[in-house]
Amino acid sequence: MAIPKKLKTREDTLNFMKMVADKQNWRLNTDREFLEILADGLSKNFNRYGYYSCPCRDASGIREQDKDIVCPCDYCRPDQQEFGHCYCGLYLTPEFFDRGTPPSSIPERRPE
């Protein structure tokens, strides 16, 4: 596992999250406290493993084994298509965002 030379701060990760959302035409969850919790989890995982593994799932620390849960994870689009948001509730489709309802719990797609 490669430890990064420069540790990510919450602000670095919030910028990463915004960049991903903008590039994909997604919206971020509007709950600032929730976003900061997710940013802290992503930052911690980046600083521990060297990549942004999903903070809502257990990572192994081996990038090859975790490649499906590197943010945005492989399950993000299918979750958005079915539920309007990803498993974490971080990335929302524009349609879901416009409804103004908060994300809810959805089933885990990652195989055990």
Protein backbone atom coordinates (compact mmCIF):
# COMPACT_ATOMS: atom_id res chain seq x y z
CA MET A 1 0.00 0.00 0.00
CA ALA A 2 1.47 3.34 -1.06
CA ILE A 3 1.10 6.09 1.50
CA PRO A 4 0.56 9.42 -0.30
CA LYS A 5 3.32 12.03 -0.08
CA LYS A 6 0.79 14.83 0.48
CA LEU A 7 -2.07 14.15 2.83
CA LYS A 8 -5.54 15.23 1.75
CA THR A 9 -7.42 17.73 3.87
CA ARG A 10 -11.19 18.00 4.16
CA GLU A 11 -11.06 21.00 1.81
CA ASP A 12 -9.03 19.03 -0.78
CA THR A 13 -11.61 16.27 -0.69
CA LEU A 14 -14.59 18.63 -0.83
CA ASN A 15 -13.00 20.11 -3.97
CA PHE A 16 -12.56 16.59 -5.39
CA MET A 17 -16.21 15.77 -4.67
CA LYS A 18 -17.37 18.98 -6.36
CA MET A 19 -15.13 18.37 -9.37
CA VAL A 20 -16.54 14.86 -9.84
CA ALA A 21 -20.12 16.10 -9.50
CA ASP A 22 -19.55 18.93 -11.98
CA LYS A 23 -17.86 16.67 -14.52
CA GLN A 24 -20.63 14.06 -14.35
CA ASN A 25 -23.49 16.60 -14.20
CA TRP A 26 -24.44 15.30 -10.76
CA ARG A 27 -25.42 17.28 -7.69
CA LEU A 28 -23.92 17.02 -4.24
CA ASN A 29 -26.03 16.37 -1.19
CA THR A 30 -26.96 19.77 0.25
CA ASP A 31 -26.50 18.75 3.90
CA ARG A 32 -23.18 20.46 4.69
CA GLU A 33 -22.54 18.51 7.90
CA PHE A 34 -23.18 15.23 6.06
CA LEU A 35 -20.84 16.28 3.23
CA GLU A 36 -18.11 17.07 5.73
CA ILE A 37 -18.50 13.65 7.36
CA LEU A 38 -18.17 11.96 3.97
CA ALA A 39 -15.22 14.21 3.05
CA ASP A 40 -13.50 13.30 6.32
CA GLY A 41 -14.03 9.59 5.60
CA LEU A 42 -12.76 9.89 2.03
CA SER A 43 -9.74 11.92 3.22
CA LYS A 44 -8.94 9.37 5.90
CA ASN A 45 -9.11 6.55 3.36
CA PHE A 46 -6.95 8.46 0.87
CA ASN A 47 -4.37 9.22 3.55
CA ARG A 48 -4.41 5.60 4.72
CA TYR A 49 -4.51 3.77 1.36
CA GLY A 50 -3.48 6.32 -1.27
CA TYR A 51 -6.89 6.38 -3.01
CA TYR A 52 -10.39 7.63 -2.29
CA SER A 53 -12.16 4.43 -1.27
CA CYS A 54 -15.83 4.74 -0.43
CA PRO A 55 -16.23 5.74 3.23
CA CYS A 56 -19.46 3.73 3.45
CA ARG A 57 -17.78 0.40 2.69
CA ASP A 58 -14.91 -1.59 4.14
CA ALA A 59 -11.75 -1.30 2.04
CA SER A 60 -8.95 -3.85 2.07
CA GLY A 61 -6.18 -1.34 1.44
CA ILE A 62 -5.27 -3.22 -1.73
CA ARG A 63 -6.24 -1.03 -4.67
CA GLU A 64 -6.83 -3.95 -7.05
CA GLN A 65 -9.32 -5.50 -4.62
CA ASP A 66 -10.95 -2.14 -3.90
CA LYS A 67 -11.10 -0.77 -7.46
CA ASP A 68 -14.89 -1.16 -7.53
CA ILE A 69 -15.27 1.12 -4.49
CA VAL A 70 -12.93 3.94 -5.51
CA CYS A 71 -15.04 7.10 -5.51
CA PRO A 72 -17.12 7.45 -7.55
CA CYS A 73 -17.63 3.72 -7.23
CA ASP A 74 -18.78 1.26 -9.88
CA TYR A 75 -22.20 1.12 -8.22
CA CYS A 76 -22.85 4.86 -8.34
CA ARG A 77 -24.55 4.99 -11.75
CA PRO A 78 -26.77 1.93 -11.26
CA ASP A 79 -27.82 3.31 -7.86
CA GLN A 80 -28.57 6.70 -9.39
CA GLN A 81 -30.55 5.14 -12.22
CA GLU A 82 -32.70 3.18 -9.79
CA PHE A 83 -32.84 5.44 -6.72
CA GLY A 84 -31.65 8.88 -7.87
CA HIS A 85 -28.57 8.87 -5.66
CA CYS A 86 -25.55 6.76 -4.82
CA TYR A 87 -25.28 4.38 -1.85
CA CYS A 88 -23.62 7.05 0.31
CA GLY A 89 -26.11 9.72 -0.66
CA LEU A 90 -23.23 11.90 -1.83
CA TYR A 91 -23.96 12.16 -5.56
CA LEU A 92 -27.52 12.90 -6.69
CA THR A 93 -29.03 13.00 -10.14
CA PRO A 94 -30.32 16.44 -11.15
CA GLU A 95 -33.89 15.06 -11.18
CA PHE A 96 -33.60 13.69 -7.65
CA PHE A 97 -31.94 16.89 -6.46
CA ASP A 98 -34.76 19.01 -7.90
CA ARG A 99 -37.35 17.04 -5.90
CA GLY A 100 -35.75 18.33 -2.70
CA THR A 101 -36.11 15.06 -0.81
CA PRO A 102 -33.19 13.69 1.17
CA PRO A 103 -31.53 10.45 0.06
CA SER A 104 -32.73 7.33 1.81
CA SER A 105 -31.21 3.97 2.58
CA ILE A 106 -30.76 1.75 -0.47
CA PRO A 107 -29.63 -1.87 -0.87
CA GLU A 108 -25.94 -2.69 -1.16
CA ARG A 109 -24.94 -3.79 -4.66
CA ARG A 110 -21.37 -4.81 -3.89
CA PRO A 111 -21.00 -8.58 -3.77
CA GLU A 112 -19.75 -9.98 -0.49
